[in-house]
Amino acid sequence: MDLDEAHRFADDWAADWNSHDLDRITRHYAPDVIFTSPLAARIIKESNGVIRGLDALRAYWAEGLLRNPQLHFEILGVYTGIDTIVIHFQHQTGQLSAEVLTFHNNKIITGTATHGPPPKSCM
């Protein structure tokens, strides 16, 4: 994926999240996706932060959207690798985060969510 494609993907990804439509959000992911997130460890206790499979990922994100009805992402940067992109973004709270997404056959097969410190207003 070149940088132009990565930027188009990131714009679609943010628009999908900002729509709060799970079908739109999950359309990019492979059925056997593995997604890791420190937030998943808190929301899905038995997961240890690892969500396996699209159905489980969809259930995790449904809960996340329920808990965060104002969720909104703004893209700050996009970076490319061979089969991987990194989307650097900011939440509606001001929190900075990045997702590292690895693709195979145009679908995300692994994703890793990373988060910076909470904004001062949340501390």
PDB file of N, CA and C in Angstrom:
ATOM      1  N   MET A   1       0.856  -1.168   0.000  1.00  0.00           N
ATOM      2  CA  MET A   1       0.000   0.000   0.000  1.00  0.00           C
ATOM      3  C   MET A   1       0.905   1.234   0.000  1.00  0.00           C
ATOM      4  N   ASP A   2       0.687   2.111  -0.973  1.00  0.00           N
ATOM      5  CA  ASP A   2       1.486   3.331  -0.984  1.00  0.00           C
ATOM      6  C   ASP A   2       0.846   4.375  -0.066  1.00  0.00           C
ATOM      7  N   LEU A   3       1.523   5.488   0.114  1.00  0.00           N
ATOM      8  CA  LEU A   3       1.066   6.489   1.069  1.00  0.00           C
ATOM      9  C   LEU A   3      -0.283   7.099   0.680  1.00  0.00           C
ATOM     10  N   ASP A   4      -0.518   7.305  -0.612  1.00  0.00           N
ATOM     11  CA  ASP A   4      -1.816   7.841  -1.045  1.00  0.00           C
ATOM     12  C   ASP A   4      -2.954   6.872  -0.704  1.00  0.00           C
ATOM     13  N   GLU A   5      -2.729   5.582  -0.977  1.00  0.00           N
ATOM     14  CA  GLU A   5      -3.734   4.568  -0.634  1.00  0.00           C
ATOM     15  C   GLU A   5      -3.950   4.513   0.873  1.00  0.00           C
ATOM     16  N   ALA A   6      -2.872   4.603   1.630  1.00  0.00           N
ATOM     17  CA  ALA A   6      -2.966   4.562   3.088  1.00  0.00           C
ATOM     18  C   ALA A   6      -3.780   5.749   3.609  1.00  0.00           C
ATOM     19  N   HIS A   7      -3.562   6.926   3.037  1.00  0.00           N
ATOM     20  CA  HIS A   7      -4.343   8.098   3.450  1.00  0.00           C
ATOM     21  C   HIS A   7      -5.819   7.926   3.107  1.00  0.00           C
ATOM     22  N   ARG A   8      -6.111   7.387   1.932  1.00  0.00           N
ATOM     23  CA  ARG A   8      -7.519   7.138   1.569  1.00  0.00           C
ATOM     24  C   ARG A   8      -8.149   6.144   2.534  1.00  0.00           C
ATOM     25  N   PHE A   9      -7.405   5.079   2.840  1.00  0.00           N
ATOM     26  CA  PHE A   9      -7.921   4.092   3.783  1.00  0.00           C
ATOM     27  C   PHE A   9      -8.178   4.737   5.140  1.00  0.00           C
ATOM     28  N   ALA A  10      -7.219   5.502   5.644  1.00  0.00           N
ATOM     29  CA  ALA A  10      -7.355   6.131   6.962  1.00  0.00           C
ATOM     30  C   ALA A  10      -8.555   7.076   6.991  1.00  0.00           C
ATOM     31  N   ASP A  11      -8.772   7.825   5.925  1.00  0.00           N
ATOM     32  CA  ASP A  11      -9.938   8.713   5.865  1.00  0.00           C
ATOM     33  C   ASP A  11     -11.235   7.912   5.929  1.00  0.00           C
ATOM     34  N   ASP A  12     -11.283   6.792   5.181  1.00  0.00           N
ATOM     35  CA  ASP A  12     -12.466   5.915   5.231  1.00  0.00           C
ATOM     36  C   ASP A  12     -12.632   5.316   6.622  1.00  0.00           C
ATOM     37  N   TRP A  13     -11.535   4.867   7.199  1.00  0.00           N
ATOM     38  CA  TRP A  13     -11.538   4.249   8.527  1.00  0.00           C
ATOM     39  C   TRP A  13     -12.110   5.222   9.551  1.00  0.00           C
ATOM     40  N   ALA A  14     -11.649   6.479   9.537  1.00  0.00           N
ATOM     41  CA  ALA A  14     -12.150   7.473  10.488  1.00  0.00           C
ATOM     42  C   ALA A  14     -13.625   7.775  10.234  1.00  0.00           C
ATOM     43  N   ALA A  15     -14.007   7.910   8.972  1.00  0.00           N
ATOM     44  CA  ALA A  15     -15.417   8.170   8.647  1.00  0.00           C
ATOM     45  C   ALA A  15     -16.295   7.018   9.119  1.00  0.00           C
ATOM     46  N   ASP A  16     -15.802   5.793   8.954  1.00  0.00           N
ATOM     47  CA  ASP A  16     -16.564   4.621   9.413  1.00  0.00           C
ATOM     48  C   ASP A  16     -16.744   4.661  10.923  1.00  0.00           C
ATOM     49  N   TRP A  17     -15.666   4.921  11.660  1.00  0.00           N
ATOM     50  CA  TRP A  17     -15.765   5.016  13.116  1.00  0.00           C
ATOM     51  C   TRP A  17     -16.686   6.159  13.527  1.00  0.00           C
ATOM     52  N   ASN A  18     -16.555   7.284  12.877  1.00  0.00           N
ATOM     53  CA  ASN A  18     -17.358   8.446  13.242  1.00  0.00           C
ATOM     54  C   ASN A  18     -18.835   8.254  12.918  1.00  0.00           C
ATOM     55  N   SER A  19     -19.145   7.305  12.038  1.00  0.00           N
ATOM     56  CA  SER A  19     -20.541   6.979  11.725  1.00  0.00           C
ATOM     57  C   SER A  19     -21.180   6.123  12.818  1.00  0.00           C
ATOM     58  N   HIS A  20     -20.348   5.428  13.615  1.00  0.00           N
ATOM     59  CA  HIS A  20     -20.785   4.500  14.673  1.00  0.00           C
ATOM     60  C   HIS A  20     -21.528   3.301  14.085  1.00  0.00           C
ATOM     61  N   ASP A  21     -21.321   3.010  12.808  1.00  0.00           N
ATOM     62  CA  ASP A  21     -21.987   1.905  12.101  1.00  0.00           C
ATOM     63  C   ASP A  21     -21.044   0.702  12.101  1.00  0.00           C
ATOM     64  N   LEU A  22     -21.387  -0.339  12.871  1.00  0.00           N
ATOM     65  CA  LEU A  22     -20.500  -1.503  12.999  1.00  0.00           C
ATOM     66  C   LEU A  22     -20.251  -2.210  11.671  1.00  0.00           C
ATOM     67  N   ASP A  23     -21.229  -2.220  10.788  1.00  0.00           N
ATOM     68  CA  ASP A  23     -21.001  -2.840   9.474  1.00  0.00           C
ATOM     69  C   ASP A  23     -19.921  -2.086   8.706  1.00  0.00           C
ATOM     70  N   ARG A  24     -19.972  -0.782   8.754  1.00  0.00           N
ATOM     71  CA  ARG A  24     -18.941   0.018   8.086  1.00  0.00           C
ATOM     72  C   ARG A  24     -17.589  -0.168   8.759  1.00  0.00           C
ATOM     73  N   ILE A  25     -17.570  -0.163  10.077  1.00  0.00           N
ATOM     74  CA  ILE A  25     -16.313  -0.284  10.823  1.00  0.00           C
ATOM     75  C   ILE A  25     -15.643  -1.622  10.543  1.00  0.00           C
ATOM     76  N   THR A  26     -16.394  -2.696  10.533  1.00  0.00           N
ATOM     77  CA  THR A  26     -15.811  -4.036  10.446  1.00  0.00           C
ATOM     78  C   THR A  26     -15.585  -4.530   9.021  1.00  0.00           C
ATOM     79  N   ARG A  27     -16.024  -3.792   8.021  1.00  0.00           N
ATOM     80  CA  ARG A  27     -15.912  -4.271   6.630  1.00  0.00           C
ATOM     81  C   ARG A  27     -14.477  -4.468   6.169  1.00  0.00           C
ATOM     82  N   HIS A  28     -13.524  -3.856   6.830  1.00  0.00           N
ATOM     83  CA  HIS A  28     -12.118  -3.921   6.422  1.00  0.00           C
ATOM     84  C   HIS A  28     -11.370  -5.103   7.037  1.00  0.00           C
ATOM     85  N   TYR A  29     -12.006  -5.852   7.929  1.00  0.00           N
ATOM     86  CA  TYR A  29     -11.312  -6.848   8.736  1.00  0.00           C
ATOM     87  C   TYR A  29     -11.584  -8.266   8.250  1.00  0.00           C
ATOM     88  N   ALA A  30     -10.555  -9.111   8.306  1.00  0.00           N
ATOM     89  CA  ALA A  30     -10.673 -10.523   7.938  1.00  0.00           C
ATOM     90  C   ALA A  30     -11.457 -11.271   9.015  1.00  0.00           C
ATOM     91  N   PRO A  31     -12.125 -12.367   8.647  1.00  0.00           N
ATOM     92  CA  PRO A  31     -12.897 -13.135   9.633  1.00  0.00           C
ATOM     93  C   PRO A  31     -12.049 -13.640  10.797  1.00  0.00           C
ATOM     94  N   ASP A  32     -10.770 -13.915  10.553  1.00  0.00           N
ATOM     95  CA  ASP A  32      -9.909 -14.466  11.601  1.00  0.00           C
ATOM     96  C   ASP A  32      -8.951 -13.413  12.178  1.00  0.00           C
ATOM     97  N   VAL A  33      -9.344 -12.161  12.129  1.00  0.00           N
ATOM     98  CA  VAL A  33      -8.524 -11.057  12.626  1.00  0.00           C
ATOM     99  C   VAL A  33      -8.151 -11.263  14.096  1.00  0.00           C
ATOM    100  N   ILE A  34      -6.979 -10.781  14.443  1.00  0.00           N
ATOM    101  CA  ILE A  34      -6.545 -10.735  15.843  1.00  0.00           C
ATOM    102  C   ILE A  34      -6.257  -9.272  16.156  1.00  0.00           C
ATOM    103  N   PHE A  35      -6.927  -8.760  17.174  1.00  0.00           N
ATOM    104  CA  PHE A  35      -6.810  -7.353  17.543  1.00  0.00           C
ATOM    105  C   PHE A  35      -6.407  -7.264  19.003  1.00  0.00           C
ATOM    106  N   THR A  36      -5.387  -6.465  19.297  1.00  0.00           N
ATOM    107  CA  THR A  36      -4.947  -6.287  20.675  1.00  0.00           C
ATOM    108  C   THR A  36      -5.138  -4.831  21.091  1.00  0.00           C
ATOM    109  N   SER A  37      -5.540  -4.666  22.341  1.00  0.00           N
ATOM    110  CA  SER A  37      -5.796  -3.327  22.851  1.00  0.00           C
ATOM    111  C   SER A  37      -5.802  -3.337  24.371  1.00  0.00           C
ATOM    112  N   PRO A  38      -5.152  -2.349  24.989  1.00  0.00           N
ATOM    113  CA  PRO A  38      -5.243  -2.251  26.445  1.00  0.00           C
ATOM    114  C   PRO A  38      -6.672  -1.970  26.901  1.00  0.00           C
ATOM    115  N   LEU A  39      -7.453  -1.289  26.089  1.00  0.00           N
ATOM    116  CA  LEU A  39      -8.854  -1.030  26.430  1.00  0.00           C
ATOM    117  C   LEU A  39      -9.661  -2.327  26.413  1.00  0.00           C
ATOM    118  N   ALA A  40      -9.351  -3.223  25.486  1.00  0.00           N
ATOM    119  CA  ALA A  40     -10.042  -4.514  25.434  1.00  0.00           C
ATOM    120  C   ALA A  40      -9.817  -5.298  26.721  1.00  0.00           C
ATOM    121  N   ALA A  41      -8.632  -5.167  27.287  1.00  0.00           N
ATOM    122  CA  ALA A  41      -8.334  -5.855  28.547  1.00  0.00           C
ATOM    123  C   ALA A  41      -9.246  -5.375  29.665  1.00  0.00           C
ATOM    124  N   ARG A  42      -9.657  -4.104  29.613  1.00  0.00           N
ATOM    125  CA  ARG A  42     -10.552  -3.569  30.642  1.00  0.00           C
ATOM    126  C   ARG A  42     -12.013  -3.883  30.354  1.00  0.00           C
ATOM    127  N   ILE A  43     -12.404  -3.864  29.091  1.00  0.00           N
ATOM    128  CA  ILE A  43     -13.820  -4.060  28.738  1.00  0.00           C
ATOM    129  C   ILE A  43     -14.195  -5.539  28.695  1.00  0.00           C
ATOM    130  N   ILE A  44     -13.319  -6.370  28.121  1.00  0.00           N
ATOM    131  CA  ILE A  44     -13.574  -7.813  27.999  1.00  0.00           C
ATOM    132  C   ILE A  44     -12.570  -8.510  28.918  1.00  0.00           C
ATOM    133  N   LYS A  45     -12.940  -8.688  30.170  1.00  0.00           N
ATOM    134  CA  LYS A  45     -12.008  -9.132  31.216  1.00  0.00           C
ATOM    135  C   LYS A  45     -11.224 -10.394  30.864  1.00  0.00           C
ATOM    136  N   GLU A  46     -11.873 -11.382  30.317  1.00  0.00           N
ATOM    137  CA  GLU A  46     -11.210 -12.655  30.043  1.00  0.00           C
ATOM    138  C   GLU A  46     -10.331 -12.612  28.794  1.00  0.00           C
ATOM    139  N   SER A  47     -10.280 -11.474  28.094  1.00  0.00           N
ATOM    140  CA  SER A  47      -9.541 -11.385  26.829  1.00  0.00           C
ATOM    141  C   SER A  47      -8.040 -11.176  27.007  1.00  0.00           C
ATOM    142  N   ASN A  48      -7.610 -10.662  28.146  1.00  0.00           N
ATOM    143  CA  ASN A  48      -6.216 -10.250  28.331  1.00  0.00           C
ATOM    144  C   ASN A  48      -5.780  -9.259  27.256  1.00  0.00           C
ATOM    145  N   GLY A  49      -6.746  -8.529  26.706  1.00  0.00           N
ATOM    146  CA  GLY A  49      -6.441  -7.526  25.700  1.00  0.00           C
ATOM    147  C   GLY A  49      -6.340  -8.037  24.283  1.00  0.00           C
ATOM    148  N   VAL A  50      -6.625  -9.323  24.072  1.00  0.00           N
ATOM    149  CA  VAL A  50      -6.540  -9.915  22.736  1.00  0.00           C
ATOM    150  C   VAL A  50      -7.931 -10.373  22.308  1.00  0.00           C
ATOM    151  N   ILE A  51      -8.394  -9.823  21.196  1.00  0.00           N
ATOM    152  CA  ILE A  51      -9.700 -10.191  20.645  1.00  0.00           C
ATOM    153  C   ILE A  51      -9.450 -11.015  19.388  1.00  0.00           C
ATOM    154  N   ARG A  52     -10.019 -12.201  19.346  1.00  0.00           N
ATOM    155  CA  ARG A  52      -9.788 -13.122  18.219  1.00  0.00           C
ATOM    156  C   ARG A  52     -11.074 -13.348  17.426  1.00  0.00           C
ATOM    157  N   GLY A  53     -11.015 -13.016  16.153  1.00  0.00           N
ATOM    158  CA  GLY A  53     -12.132 -13.253  15.257  1.00  0.00           C
ATOM    159  C   GLY A  53     -13.035 -12.033  15.115  1.00  0.00           C
ATOM    160  N   LEU A  54     -13.634 -11.928  13.952  1.00  0.00           N
ATOM    161  CA  LEU A  54     -14.445 -10.758  13.625  1.00  0.00           C
ATOM    162  C   LEU A  54     -15.691 -10.650  14.497  1.00  0.00           C
ATOM    163  N   ASP A  55     -16.323 -11.762  14.822  1.00  0.00           N
ATOM    164  CA  ASP A  55     -17.526 -11.690  15.669  1.00  0.00           C
ATOM    165  C   ASP A  55     -17.191 -11.146  17.058  1.00  0.00           C
ATOM    166  N   ALA A  56     -16.088 -11.613  17.629  1.00  0.00           N
ATOM    167  CA  ALA A  56     -15.675 -11.126  18.953  1.00  0.00           C
ATOM    168  C   ALA A  56     -15.254  -9.657  18.874  1.00  0.00           C
ATOM    169  N   LEU A  57     -14.590  -9.273  17.797  1.00  0.00           N
ATOM    170  CA  LEU A  57     -14.180  -7.883  17.631  1.00  0.00           C
ATOM    171  C   LEU A  57     -15.395  -6.977  17.502  1.00  0.00           C
ATOM    172  N   ARG A  58     -16.360  -7.435  16.751  1.00  0.00           N
ATOM    173  CA  ARG A  58     -17.596  -6.662  16.580  1.00  0.00           C
ATOM    174  C   ARG A  58     -18.308  -6.474  17.932  1.00  0.00           C
ATOM    175  N   ALA A  59     -18.362  -7.532  18.742  1.00  0.00           N
ATOM    176  CA  ALA A  59     -19.007  -7.447  20.056  1.00  0.00           C
ATOM    177  C   ALA A  59     -18.244  -6.473  20.966  1.00  0.00           C
ATOM    178  N   TYR A  60     -16.929  -6.517  20.931  1.00  0.00           N
ATOM    179  CA  TYR A  60     -16.103  -5.600  21.722  1.00  0.00           C
ATOM    180  C   TYR A  60     -16.370  -4.156  21.310  1.00  0.00           C
ATOM    181  N   TRP A  61     -16.358  -3.906  20.021  1.00  0.00           N
ATOM    182  CA  TRP A  61     -16.574  -2.536  19.560  1.00  0.00           C
ATOM    183  C   TRP A  61     -18.005  -2.060  19.785  1.00  0.00           C
ATOM    184  N   ALA A  62     -18.963  -2.972  19.734  1.00  0.00           N
ATOM    185  CA  ALA A  62     -20.351  -2.588  20.050  1.00  0.00           C
ATOM    186  C   ALA A  62     -20.424  -2.081  21.488  1.00  0.00           C
ATOM    187  N   GLU A  63     -19.763  -2.777  22.390  1.00  0.00           N
ATOM    188  CA  GLU A  63     -19.728  -2.337  23.786  1.00  0.00           C
ATOM    189  C   GLU A  63     -18.999  -1.005  23.924  1.00  0.00           C
ATOM    190  N   GLY A  64     -17.907  -0.846  23.214  1.00  0.00           N
ATOM    191  CA  GLY A  64     -17.165   0.407  23.251  1.00  0.00           C
ATOM    192  C   GLY A  64     -17.986   1.586  22.759  1.00  0.00           C
ATOM    193  N   LEU A  65     -18.729   1.389  21.685  1.00  0.00           N
ATOM    194  CA  LEU A  65     -19.586   2.461  21.164  1.00  0.00           C
ATOM    195  C   LEU A  65     -20.725   2.769  22.130  1.00  0.00           C
ATOM    196  N   LEU A  66     -21.252   1.744  22.783  1.00  0.00           N
ATOM    197  CA  LEU A  66     -22.304   1.949  23.769  1.00  0.00           C
ATOM    198  C   LEU A  66     -21.791   2.811  24.936  1.00  0.00           C
ATOM    199  N   ARG A  67     -20.559   2.550  25.351  1.00  0.00           N
ATOM    200  CA  ARG A  67     -19.963   3.295  26.468  1.00  0.00           C
ATOM    201  C   ARG A  67     -19.493   4.694  26.069  1.00  0.00           C
ATOM    202  N   ASN A  68     -19.303   4.917  24.772  1.00  0.00           N
ATOM    203  CA  ASN A  68     -18.769   6.189  24.280  1.00  0.00           C
ATOM    204  C   ASN A  68     -19.623   6.739  23.140  1.00  0.00           C
ATOM    205  N   PRO A  69     -20.837   7.170  23.412  1.00  0.00           N
ATOM    206  CA  PRO A  69     -21.727   7.618  22.338  1.00  0.00           C
ATOM    207  C   PRO A  69     -21.229   8.867  21.608  1.00  0.00           C
ATOM    208  N   GLN A  70     -20.299   9.602  22.181  1.00  0.00           N
ATOM    209  CA  GLN A  70     -19.756  10.800  21.534  1.00  0.00           C
ATOM    210  C   GLN A  70     -18.462  10.517  20.762  1.00  0.00           C
ATOM    211  N   LEU A  71     -18.090   9.240  20.634  1.00  0.00           N
ATOM    212  CA  LEU A  71     -16.826   8.871  20.011  1.00  0.00           C
ATOM    213  C   LEU A  71     -16.642   9.550  18.657  1.00  0.00           C
ATOM    214  N   HIS A  72     -15.461  10.139  18.481  1.00  0.00           N
ATOM    215  CA  HIS A  72     -15.116  10.792  17.222  1.00  0.00           C
ATOM    216  C   HIS A  72     -13.597  10.786  17.094  1.00  0.00           C
ATOM    217  N   PHE A  73     -13.104  10.404  15.915  1.00  0.00           N
ATOM    218  CA  PHE A  73     -11.670  10.351  15.667  1.00  0.00           C
ATOM    219  C   PHE A  73     -11.284  11.396  14.624  1.00  0.00           C
ATOM    220  N   GLU A  74     -10.129  12.008  14.833  1.00  0.00           N
ATOM    221  CA  GLU A  74      -9.540  12.926  13.866  1.00  0.00           C
ATOM    222  C   GLU A  74      -8.148  12.411  13.516  1.00  0.00           C
ATOM    223  N   ILE A  75      -7.894  12.195  12.229  1.00  0.00           N
ATOM    224  CA  ILE A  75      -6.599  11.680  11.780  1.00  0.00           C
ATOM    225  C   ILE A  75      -5.536  12.764  11.917  1.00  0.00           C
ATOM    226  N   LEU A  76      -4.405  12.391  12.527  1.00  0.00           N
ATOM    227  CA  LEU A  76      -3.272  13.298  12.679  1.00  0.00           C
ATOM    228  C   LEU A  76      -2.103  12.927  11.782  1.00  0.00           C
ATOM    229  N   GLY A  77      -1.989  11.638  11.450  1.00  0.00           N
ATOM    230  CA  GLY A  77      -0.896  11.175  10.598  1.00  0.00           C
ATOM    231  C   GLY A  77      -1.139   9.756  10.134  1.00  0.00           C
ATOM    232  N   VAL A  78      -0.539   9.420   9.005  1.00  0.00           N
ATOM    233  CA  VAL A  78      -0.652   8.079   8.436  1.00  0.00           C
ATOM    234  C   VAL A  78       0.743   7.671   7.976  1.00  0.00           C
ATOM    235  N   TYR A  79       1.134   6.437   8.301  1.00  0.00           N
ATOM    236  CA  TYR A  79       2.464   5.946   7.991  1.00  0.00           C
ATOM    237  C   TYR A  79       2.327   4.562   7.357  1.00  0.00           C
ATOM    238  N   THR A  80       3.229   4.241   6.425  1.00  0.00           N
ATOM    239  CA  THR A  80       3.126   2.968   5.714  1.00  0.00           C
ATOM    240  C   THR A  80       4.360   2.107   5.925  1.00  0.00           C
ATOM    241  N   GLY A  81       4.126   0.800   5.819  1.00  0.00           N
ATOM    242  CA  GLY A  81       5.182  -0.201   5.791  1.00  0.00           C
ATOM    243  C   GLY A  81       4.962  -1.059   4.557  1.00  0.00           C
ATOM    244  N   ILE A  82       5.396  -2.288   4.605  1.00  0.00           N
ATOM    245  CA  ILE A  82       5.208  -3.192   3.469  1.00  0.00           C
ATOM    246  C   ILE A  82       3.745  -3.597   3.348  1.00  0.00           C
ATOM    247  N   ASP A  83       3.214  -4.197   4.377  1.00  0.00           N
ATOM    248  CA  ASP A  83       1.809  -4.623   4.380  1.00  0.00           C
ATOM    249  C   ASP A  83       1.073  -4.052   5.590  1.00  0.00           C
ATOM    250  N   THR A  84       1.635  -2.979   6.142  1.00  0.00           N
ATOM    251  CA  THR A  84       1.144  -2.411   7.394  1.00  0.00           C
ATOM    252  C   THR A  84       1.003  -0.895   7.257  1.00  0.00           C
ATOM    253  N   ILE A  85      -0.037  -0.374   7.896  1.00  0.00           N
ATOM    254  CA  ILE A  85      -0.141   1.076   8.039  1.00  0.00           C
ATOM    255  C   ILE A  85      -0.334   1.407   9.518  1.00  0.00           C
ATOM    256  N   VAL A  86       0.030   2.618   9.863  1.00  0.00           N
ATOM    257  CA  VAL A  86      -0.202   3.152  11.202  1.00  0.00           C
ATOM    258  C   VAL A  86      -1.058   4.395  11.035  1.00  0.00           C
ATOM    259  N   ILE A  87      -2.162   4.428  11.769  1.00  0.00           N
ATOM    260  CA  ILE A  87      -3.037   5.590  11.769  1.00  0.00           C
ATOM    261  C   ILE A  87      -2.899   6.263  13.129  1.00  0.00           C
ATOM    262  N   HIS A  88      -2.373   7.477  13.117  1.00  0.00           N
ATOM    263  CA  HIS A  88      -2.222   8.282  14.329  1.00  0.00           C
ATOM    264  C   HIS A  88      -3.431   9.204  14.394  1.00  0.00           C
ATOM    265  N   PHE A  89      -4.133   9.187  15.512  1.00  0.00           N
ATOM    266  CA  PHE A  89      -5.381   9.939  15.586  1.00  0.00           C
ATOM    267  C   PHE A  89      -5.619  10.470  16.985  1.00  0.00           C
ATOM    268  N   GLN A  90      -6.598  11.358  17.065  1.00  0.00           N
ATOM    269  CA  GLN A  90      -6.994  11.951  18.336  1.00  0.00           C
ATOM    270  C   GLN A  90      -8.464  11.664  18.573  1.00  0.00           C
ATOM    271  N   HIS A  91      -8.785  11.260  19.794  1.00  0.00           N
ATOM    272  CA  HIS A  91     -10.170  11.029  20.216  1.00  0.00           C
ATOM    273  C   HIS A  91     -10.847  12.358  20.514  1.00  0.00           C
ATOM    274  N   GLN A  92     -12.150  12.313  20.647  1.00  0.00           N
ATOM    275  CA  GLN A  92     -12.926  13.503  21.009  1.00  0.00           C
ATOM    276  C   GLN A  92     -12.514  14.062  22.365  1.00  0.00           C
ATOM    277  N   THR A  93     -11.899  13.244  23.201  1.00  0.00           N
ATOM    278  CA  THR A  93     -11.451  13.683  24.527  1.00  0.00           C
ATOM    279  C   THR A  93     -10.111  14.406  24.476  1.00  0.00           C
ATOM    280  N   GLY A  94      -9.443  14.321  23.328  1.00  0.00           N
ATOM    281  CA  GLY A  94      -8.097  14.863  23.199  1.00  0.00           C
ATOM    282  C   GLY A  94      -7.013  13.813  23.324  1.00  0.00           C
ATOM    283  N   GLN A  95      -7.383  12.590  23.713  1.00  0.00           N
ATOM    284  CA  GLN A  95      -6.399  11.513  23.847  1.00  0.00           C
ATOM    285  C   GLN A  95      -5.788  11.183  22.487  1.00  0.00           C
ATOM    286  N   LEU A  96      -4.476  11.016  22.466  1.00  0.00           N
ATOM    287  CA  LEU A  96      -3.760  10.614  21.260  1.00  0.00           C
ATOM    288  C   LEU A  96      -3.614   9.101  21.247  1.00  0.00           C
ATOM    289  N   SER A  97      -3.842   8.510  20.068  1.00  0.00           N
ATOM    290  CA  SER A  97      -3.746   7.069  19.907  1.00  0.00           C
ATOM    291  C   SER A  97      -3.203   6.748  18.522  1.00  0.00           C
ATOM    292  N   ALA A  98      -2.840   5.502  18.336  1.00  0.00           N
ATOM    293  CA  ALA A  98      -2.433   5.013  17.019  1.00  0.00           C
ATOM    294  C   ALA A  98      -2.884   3.569  16.892  1.00  0.00           C
ATOM    295  N   GLU A  99      -3.258   3.189  15.692  1.00  0.00           N
ATOM    296  CA  GLU A  99      -3.533   1.785  15.396  1.00  0.00           C
ATOM    297  C   GLU A  99      -2.554   1.330  14.338  1.00  0.00           C
ATOM    298  N   VAL A 100      -1.993   0.150  14.581  1.00  0.00           N
ATOM    299  CA  VAL A 100      -1.077  -0.500  13.660  1.00  0.00           C
ATOM    300  C   VAL A 100      -1.876  -1.631  13.015  1.00  0.00           C
ATOM    301  N   LEU A 101      -2.080  -1.544  11.697  1.00  0.00           N
ATOM    302  CA  LEU A 101      -2.950  -2.469  10.986  1.00  0.00           C
ATOM    303  C   LEU A 101      -2.159  -3.199   9.900  1.00  0.00           C
ATOM    304  N   THR A 102      -2.180  -4.524   9.939  1.00  0.00           N
ATOM    305  CA  THR A 102      -1.487  -5.340   8.952  1.00  0.00           C
ATOM    306  C   THR A 102      -2.513  -6.018   8.057  1.00  0.00           C
ATOM    307  N   PHE A 103      -2.255  -5.972   6.748  1.00  0.00           N
ATOM    308  CA  PHE A 103      -3.197  -6.455   5.739  1.00  0.00           C
ATOM    309  C   PHE A 103      -2.703  -7.714   5.045  1.00  0.00           C
ATOM    310  N   HIS A 104      -3.659  -8.517   4.609  1.00  0.00           N
ATOM    311  CA  HIS A 104      -3.418  -9.647   3.707  1.00  0.00           C
ATOM    312  C   HIS A 104      -4.651  -9.747   2.822  1.00  0.00           C
ATOM    313  N   ASN A 105      -4.442  -9.789   1.520  1.00  0.00           N
ATOM    314  CA  ASN A 105      -5.566  -9.837   0.563  1.00  0.00           C
ATOM    315  C   ASN A 105      -6.572  -8.709   0.817  1.00  0.00           C
ATOM    316  N   ASN A 106      -6.055  -7.505   1.071  1.00  0.00           N
ATOM    317  CA  ASN A 106      -6.874  -6.299   1.252  1.00  0.00           C
ATOM    318  C   ASN A 106      -7.767  -6.308   2.485  1.00  0.00           C
ATOM    319  N   LYS A 107      -7.521  -7.195   3.415  1.00  0.00           N
ATOM    320  CA  LYS A 107      -8.261  -7.224   4.678  1.00  0.00           C
ATOM    321  C   LYS A 107      -7.271  -7.136   5.828  1.00  0.00           C
ATOM    322  N   ILE A 108      -7.699  -6.520   6.909  1.00  0.00           N
ATOM    323  CA  ILE A 108      -6.852  -6.417   8.095  1.00  0.00           C
ATOM    324  C   ILE A 108      -6.842  -7.767   8.807  1.00  0.00           C
ATOM    325  N   ILE A 109      -5.631  -8.293   9.009  1.00  0.00           N
ATOM    326  CA  ILE A 109      -5.503  -9.582   9.694  1.00  0.00           C
ATOM    327  C   ILE A 109      -5.023  -9.417  11.131  1.00  0.00           C
ATOM    328  N   THR A 110      -4.298  -8.325  11.396  1.00  0.00           N
ATOM    329  CA  THR A 110      -3.935  -8.007  12.775  1.00  0.00           C
ATOM    330  C   THR A 110      -4.048  -6.495  12.974  1.00  0.00           C
ATOM    331  N   GLY A 111      -4.446  -6.144  14.171  1.00  0.00           N
ATOM    332  CA  GLY A 111      -4.521  -4.742  14.547  1.00  0.00           C
ATOM    333  C   GLY A 111      -4.054  -4.590  15.980  1.00  0.00           C
ATOM    334  N   THR A 112      -3.351  -3.501  16.230  1.00  0.00           N
ATOM    335  CA  THR A 112      -2.892  -3.203  17.578  1.00  0.00           C
ATOM    336  C   THR A 112      -3.240  -1.755  17.895  1.00  0.00           C
ATOM    337  N   ALA A 113      -4.010  -1.559  18.946  1.00  0.00           N
ATOM    338  CA  ALA A 113      -4.353  -0.218  19.401  1.00  0.00           C
ATOM    339  C   ALA A 113      -3.330   0.218  20.440  1.00  0.00           C
ATOM    340  N   THR A 114      -2.882   1.449  20.322  1.00  0.00           N
ATOM    341  CA  THR A 114      -1.946   2.016  21.283  1.00  0.00           C
ATOM    342  C   THR A 114      -2.472   3.385  21.697  1.00  0.00           C
ATOM    343  N   HIS A 115      -2.167   3.777  22.924  1.00  0.00           N
ATOM    344  CA  HIS A 115      -2.707   5.025  23.449  1.00  0.00           C
ATOM    345  C   HIS A 115      -1.632   5.791  24.196  1.00  0.00           C
ATOM    346  N   GLY A 116      -1.643   7.110  24.016  1.00  0.00           N
ATOM    347  CA  GLY A 116      -0.775   7.991  24.778  1.00  0.00           C
ATOM    348  C   GLY A 116      -1.405   8.271  26.131  1.00  0.00           C
ATOM    349  N   PRO A 117      -0.806   9.188  26.877  1.00  0.00           N
ATOM    350  CA  PRO A 117      -1.384   9.524  28.186  1.00  0.00           C
ATOM    351  C   PRO A 117      -2.742  10.166  28.014  1.00  0.00           C
ATOM    352  N   PRO A 118      -3.617   9.991  29.009  1.00  0.00           N
ATOM    353  CA  PRO A 118      -4.917  10.651  28.919  1.00  0.00           C
ATOM    354  C   PRO A 118      -4.743  12.162  28.927  1.00  0.00           C
ATOM    355  N   PRO A 119      -5.656  12.862  28.290  1.00  0.00           N
ATOM    356  CA  PRO A 119      -5.570  14.322  28.333  1.00  0.00           C
ATOM    357  C   PRO A 119      -5.676  14.813  29.778  1.00  0.00           C
ATOM    358  N   LYS A 120      -5.088  15.951  30.055  1.00  0.00           N
ATOM    359  CA  LYS A 120      -5.054  16.485  31.428  1.00  0.00           C
ATOM    360  C   LYS A 120      -6.452  16.632  32.033  1.00  0.00           C
ATOM    361  N   SER A 121      -7.445  16.910  31.210  1.00  0.00           N
ATOM    362  CA  SER A 121      -8.802  17.072  31.724  1.00  0.00           C
ATOM    363  C   SER A 121      -9.389  15.751  32.205  1.00  0.00           C
ATOM    364  N   CYS A 122      -8.795  14.604  31.795  1.00  0.00           N
ATOM    365  CA  CYS A 122      -9.306  13.279  32.202  1.00  0.00           C
ATOM    366  C   CYS A 122      -8.504  12.700  33.364  1.00  0.00           C
ATOM    367  N   MET A 123      -7.463  13.380  33.785  1.00  0.00           N
ATOM    368  CA  MET A 123      -6.586  12.823  34.829  1.00  0.00           C
ATOM    369  C   MET A 123      -7.134  13.096  36.205  1.00  0.00           C
TER     370      MET A 123
END
